[in-house]
Amino acid sequence: MSTRWNFLCYCDPLQPEERWPVNLLRKMPPGRNIYTHLSYDALPSSLAQGGAKKVYIYRNPKDTVVATYYHLVHQPRVQFKGDLMDVVESFVNDSQAFGPYFQHLASYWKRRGQDPNIFICSFEDLKNDFKPTVARLAKYLGKNLSPEQIGVIHRETDFKAAQANPALNKIERHVEGIFDFNKHPFVRNGSIGQWKKEFTPAMNSKMDSWIERKMIEHPELRGMKFVYE
């Protein structure tokens, strides 16, 4: 996948500059596929305003915290020494990478009626209502997929299939020492509601208070719903 998609935010200082994704992107012809963790406001103007099709996928904040924790744990170079509560605190204090979480959400959500080149769905939409969600995405991208084609996509991106696919599971990152698959693979769990097994009552209470406060502070998120299980 990394040969067809470039991660705009990623820069490995151990690689020569010509191999940095941002420099590879400059050399690619139109029709480029890019993925990023950047908010709308942090996108290069050529992406935000140049007519590029943008697909924004968000996840409920509680499972996002759990996923972030495990993503940090299996990266030796990051040298993360904290625990899950430290990650909870980083979200609640708006200090996590690519955050703040709610500001990031709002940067896309508030523009969905202004920018015709934004498609928004949640991780939970894809888990609970995969085929209709993919059909809507295909229409947005100008593709007319048959039910059979959507069925193939469903099978190929199923959690077990994705975990068994070296490209999707980024096995090359383990070989390079970027990820430690001895702790867990890149495609780790893929379920909704992991927070229920991982959070202490104190963590959950802290998250609930933060979510309630931030939804009030961001009235532009009106209409956004989180699915927690």
Protein backbone atom coordinates (compact mmCIF):
# COMPACT_ATOMS: atom_id res chain seq x y z
CA MET A 1 0.00 0.00 0.00
CA SER A 2 2.85 2.40 0.81
CA THR A 3 3.97 2.26 -2.83
CA ARG A 4 0.57 3.53 -4.03
CA TRP A 5 -0.25 5.84 -1.13
CA ASN A 6 2.04 8.39 0.48
CA PHE A 7 1.67 9.43 4.11
CA LEU A 8 1.93 13.21 3.91
CA CYS A 9 2.83 13.63 7.60
CA TYR A 10 5.58 11.00 7.73
CA CYS A 11 9.25 11.86 7.52
CA ASP A 12 11.94 9.34 8.48
CA PRO A 13 15.20 11.22 9.13
CA LEU A 14 17.11 7.99 8.48
CA GLN A 15 15.93 8.00 4.87
CA PRO A 16 17.47 10.23 2.18
CA GLU A 17 15.40 13.36 1.56
CA GLU A 18 14.39 12.22 -1.92
CA ARG A 19 12.55 9.29 -0.29
CA TRP A 20 10.52 11.47 2.06
CA PRO A 21 6.83 11.17 1.09
CA VAL A 22 6.35 14.91 0.70
CA ASN A 23 9.16 14.95 -1.88
CA LEU A 24 7.87 11.84 -3.64
CA LEU A 25 4.46 13.46 -3.92
CA ARG A 26 5.92 16.45 -5.72
CA LYS A 27 7.16 14.15 -8.47
CA MET A 28 3.95 12.17 -8.90
CA PRO A 29 1.55 12.96 -11.76
CA PRO A 30 -2.08 13.99 -11.09
CA GLY A 31 -4.29 11.28 -9.67
CA ARG A 32 -2.20 10.95 -6.52
CA ASN A 33 -3.43 9.06 -3.45
CA ILE A 34 -2.41 10.64 -0.16
CA TYR A 35 -3.25 9.88 3.43
CA THR A 36 -2.68 12.17 6.37
CA HIS A 37 -3.55 12.87 10.00
CA LEU A 38 -3.59 16.64 9.41
CA SER A 39 -6.59 18.77 10.26
CA TYR A 40 -8.28 20.69 7.46
CA ASP A 41 -6.62 23.90 8.62
CA ALA A 42 -3.17 22.30 8.45
CA LEU A 43 -3.56 20.92 4.92
CA PRO A 44 -1.51 22.51 2.15
CA SER A 45 -3.74 25.01 0.36
CA SER A 46 -3.37 22.98 -2.86
CA LEU A 47 -5.19 20.11 -1.14
CA ALA A 48 -7.69 22.10 0.90
CA GLN A 49 -8.75 24.45 -1.87
CA GLY A 50 -7.52 22.86 -5.09
CA GLY A 51 -10.41 20.51 -5.73
CA ALA A 52 -8.79 17.38 -4.29
CA LYS A 53 -11.28 14.75 -3.10
CA LYS A 54 -10.99 14.43 0.67
CA VAL A 55 -12.24 11.43 2.66
CA TYR A 56 -12.32 12.02 6.41
CA ILE A 57 -12.75 9.05 8.74
CA TYR A 58 -13.12 9.59 12.48
CA ARG A 59 -13.49 7.21 15.40
CA ASN A 60 -15.22 7.59 18.75
CA PRO A 61 -12.85 9.37 21.16
CA LYS A 62 -12.67 6.58 23.73
CA ASP A 63 -11.53 3.91 21.26
CA THR A 64 -9.25 6.50 19.64
CA VAL A 65 -7.44 6.87 22.96
CA VAL A 66 -6.99 3.11 23.28
CA ALA A 67 -5.76 2.79 19.69
CA THR A 68 -3.34 5.68 20.21
CA TYR A 69 -1.90 4.05 23.31
CA TYR A 70 -1.19 0.76 21.55
CA HIS A 71 0.17 2.57 18.51
CA LEU A 72 2.69 4.36 20.73
CA VAL A 73 3.63 1.21 22.61
CA HIS A 74 4.71 -0.74 19.53
CA GLN A 75 7.00 1.94 18.10
CA PRO A 76 10.51 1.46 19.55
CA ARG A 77 11.79 4.78 18.19
CA VAL A 78 9.09 6.72 20.03
CA GLN A 79 10.34 5.34 23.36
CA PHE A 80 6.95 5.81 24.99
CA LYS A 81 7.21 4.95 28.69
CA GLY A 82 3.75 6.01 29.82
CA ASP A 83 0.52 4.17 30.47
CA LEU A 84 -3.05 4.46 29.23
CA MET A 85 -3.87 7.20 31.72
CA ASP A 86 -1.07 9.31 30.28
CA VAL A 87 -2.72 9.05 26.87
CA VAL A 88 -6.12 9.89 28.36
CA GLU A 89 -4.56 12.98 29.93
CA SER A 90 -2.95 14.01 26.65
CA PHE A 91 -6.36 13.99 24.95
CA VAL A 92 -8.15 15.73 27.80
CA ASN A 93 -5.40 18.38 27.93
CA ASP A 94 -5.45 18.81 24.12
CA SER A 95 -1.78 17.89 23.84
CA GLN A 96 -1.85 14.65 21.84
CA ALA A 97 -0.20 14.39 18.43
CA PHE A 98 -2.26 15.81 15.55
CA GLY A 99 -4.72 17.23 18.05
CA PRO A 100 -6.65 18.71 19.68
CA TYR A 101 -9.13 15.94 18.95
CA PHE A 102 -12.32 17.99 18.85
CA GLN A 103 -10.73 20.89 17.01
CA HIS A 104 -9.54 18.39 14.40
CA LEU A 105 -13.04 16.96 14.02
CA ALA A 106 -14.59 20.39 13.75
CA SER A 107 -12.13 21.51 11.07
CA TYR A 108 -13.71 19.04 8.61
CA TRP A 109 -17.22 18.68 9.98
CA LYS A 110 -18.04 22.41 9.80
CA ARG A 111 -16.98 22.53 6.15
CA ARG A 112 -19.00 19.58 4.90
CA GLY A 113 -21.69 21.91 3.56
CA GLN A 114 -19.19 24.37 2.12
CA ASP A 115 -16.60 22.17 0.45
CA PRO A 116 -18.21 19.70 -2.00
CA ASN A 117 -14.99 17.69 -1.96
CA ILE A 118 -15.37 16.33 1.58
CA PHE A 119 -16.79 12.90 2.41
CA ILE A 120 -17.12 12.12 6.12
CA CYS A 121 -17.86 8.81 7.78
CA SER A 122 -16.88 7.08 10.98
CA PHE A 123 -14.91 3.93 11.69
CA GLU A 124 -18.11 2.66 13.29
CA ASP A 125 -20.08 3.31 10.07
CA LEU A 126 -17.65 1.05 8.24
CA LYS A 127 -17.93 -1.64 10.91
CA ASN A 128 -21.70 -1.58 11.33
CA ASP A 129 -22.93 -0.55 7.89
CA PHE A 130 -20.06 -1.35 5.54
CA LYS A 131 -21.72 -1.91 2.18
CA PRO A 132 -24.03 1.15 2.15
CA THR A 133 -21.17 3.32 3.43
CA VAL A 134 -18.82 2.09 0.70
CA ALA A 135 -21.56 2.59 -1.90
CA ARG A 136 -21.89 6.23 -0.79
CA LEU A 137 -18.12 6.65 -0.90
CA ALA A 138 -17.94 5.16 -4.38
CA LYS A 139 -20.64 7.54 -5.63
CA TYR A 140 -18.75 10.49 -4.13
CA LEU A 141 -15.60 9.35 -5.97
CA GLY A 142 -17.51 8.98 -9.24
CA LYS A 143 -17.38 5.17 -9.23
CA ASN A 144 -20.34 2.96 -9.99
CA LEU A 145 -19.58 -0.23 -8.08
CA SER A 146 -21.73 -3.32 -8.43
CA PRO A 147 -22.90 -5.23 -5.34
CA GLU A 148 -20.40 -7.94 -6.30
CA GLN A 149 -17.52 -5.46 -6.36
CA ILE A 150 -18.51 -4.05 -2.98
CA GLY A 151 -18.66 -7.63 -1.68
CA VAL A 152 -15.07 -8.20 -2.82
CA ILE A 153 -13.96 -5.01 -1.06
CA HIS A 154 -15.75 -6.16 2.07
CA ARG A 155 -13.96 -9.52 2.04
CA GLU A 156 -10.54 -8.05 1.28
CA THR A 157 -10.75 -5.40 4.00
CA ASP A 158 -12.29 -7.63 6.66
CA PHE A 159 -10.21 -7.50 9.85
CA LYS A 160 -8.76 -10.99 9.52
CA ALA A 161 -8.00 -10.49 5.83
CA ALA A 162 -6.36 -7.12 6.54
CA GLN A 163 -4.27 -8.59 9.34
CA ALA A 164 -3.10 -11.38 7.03
CA ASN A 165 -2.25 -8.95 4.22
CA PRO A 166 1.44 -7.90 4.54
CA ALA A 167 0.81 -4.61 2.71
CA LEU A 168 -2.18 -3.55 4.82
CA ASN A 169 -0.53 -4.75 8.03
CA LYS A 170 2.67 -2.86 7.13
CA ILE A 171 4.96 -5.80 7.79
CA GLU A 172 7.82 -3.88 6.16
CA ARG A 173 7.69 -1.41 9.07
CA HIS A 174 8.44 -4.26 11.47
CA VAL A 175 11.41 -5.35 9.34
CA GLU A 176 12.67 -1.73 9.33
CA GLY A 177 12.37 -1.53 13.13
CA ILE A 178 9.67 1.14 13.05
CA PHE A 179 6.98 -1.14 14.52
CA ASP A 180 7.49 -4.02 16.95
CA PHE A 181 5.18 -6.83 15.93
CA ASN A 182 6.39 -8.85 18.91
CA LYS A 183 4.09 -6.60 20.93
CA HIS A 184 1.24 -6.53 18.43
CA PRO A 185 0.72 -6.13 14.67
CA PHE A 186 -0.20 -2.84 13.04
CA VAL A 187 -3.74 -4.14 12.39
CA ARG A 188 -4.26 -4.92 16.05
CA ASN A 189 -7.94 -5.27 17.00
CA GLY A 190 -10.45 -3.50 14.78
CA SER A 191 -13.46 -3.73 17.08
CA ILE A 192 -15.80 -1.13 18.57
CA GLY A 193 -15.87 -0.70 22.35
CA GLN A 194 -12.31 -1.65 23.28
CA TRP A 195 -12.40 1.14 25.87
CA LYS A 196 -14.83 -0.90 27.99
CA LYS A 197 -12.09 -3.48 28.59
CA GLU A 198 -9.25 -1.01 28.97
CA PHE A 199 -10.59 2.00 30.89
CA THR A 200 -10.74 2.27 34.64
CA PRO A 201 -13.81 4.03 36.10
CA ALA A 202 -11.60 7.11 36.68
CA MET A 203 -10.49 7.16 33.04
CA ASN A 204 -14.05 6.81 31.80
CA SER A 205 -15.32 9.57 34.07
CA LYS A 206 -12.53 11.89 32.94
CA MET A 207 -13.29 11.15 29.29
CA ASP A 208 -17.05 11.63 29.73
CA SER A 209 -16.54 15.04 31.33
CA TRP A 210 -14.13 16.09 28.61
CA ILE A 211 -16.42 14.94 25.77
CA GLU A 212 -19.43 16.72 27.26
CA ARG A 213 -17.45 19.94 27.72
CA LYS A 214 -15.91 19.90 24.25
CA MET A 215 -19.22 19.24 22.49
CA ILE A 216 -20.55 22.38 24.18
CA GLU A 217 -17.42 24.37 23.23
CA HIS A 218 -17.78 23.29 19.60
CA PRO A 219 -21.37 24.00 18.53
CA GLU A 220 -20.21 23.51 14.92
CA LEU A 221 -20.12 19.76 15.72
CA ARG A 222 -23.90 19.70 16.11
CA GLY A 223 -25.23 16.58 14.42
CA MET A 224 -22.10 14.51 14.93
CA LYS A 225 -22.80 11.26 16.78
CA PHE A 226 -20.34 8.90 18.46
CA VAL A 227 -20.96 5.15 18.56
CA TYR A 228 -19.24 3.54 21.54
CA GLU A 229 -20.25 -0.11 21.24
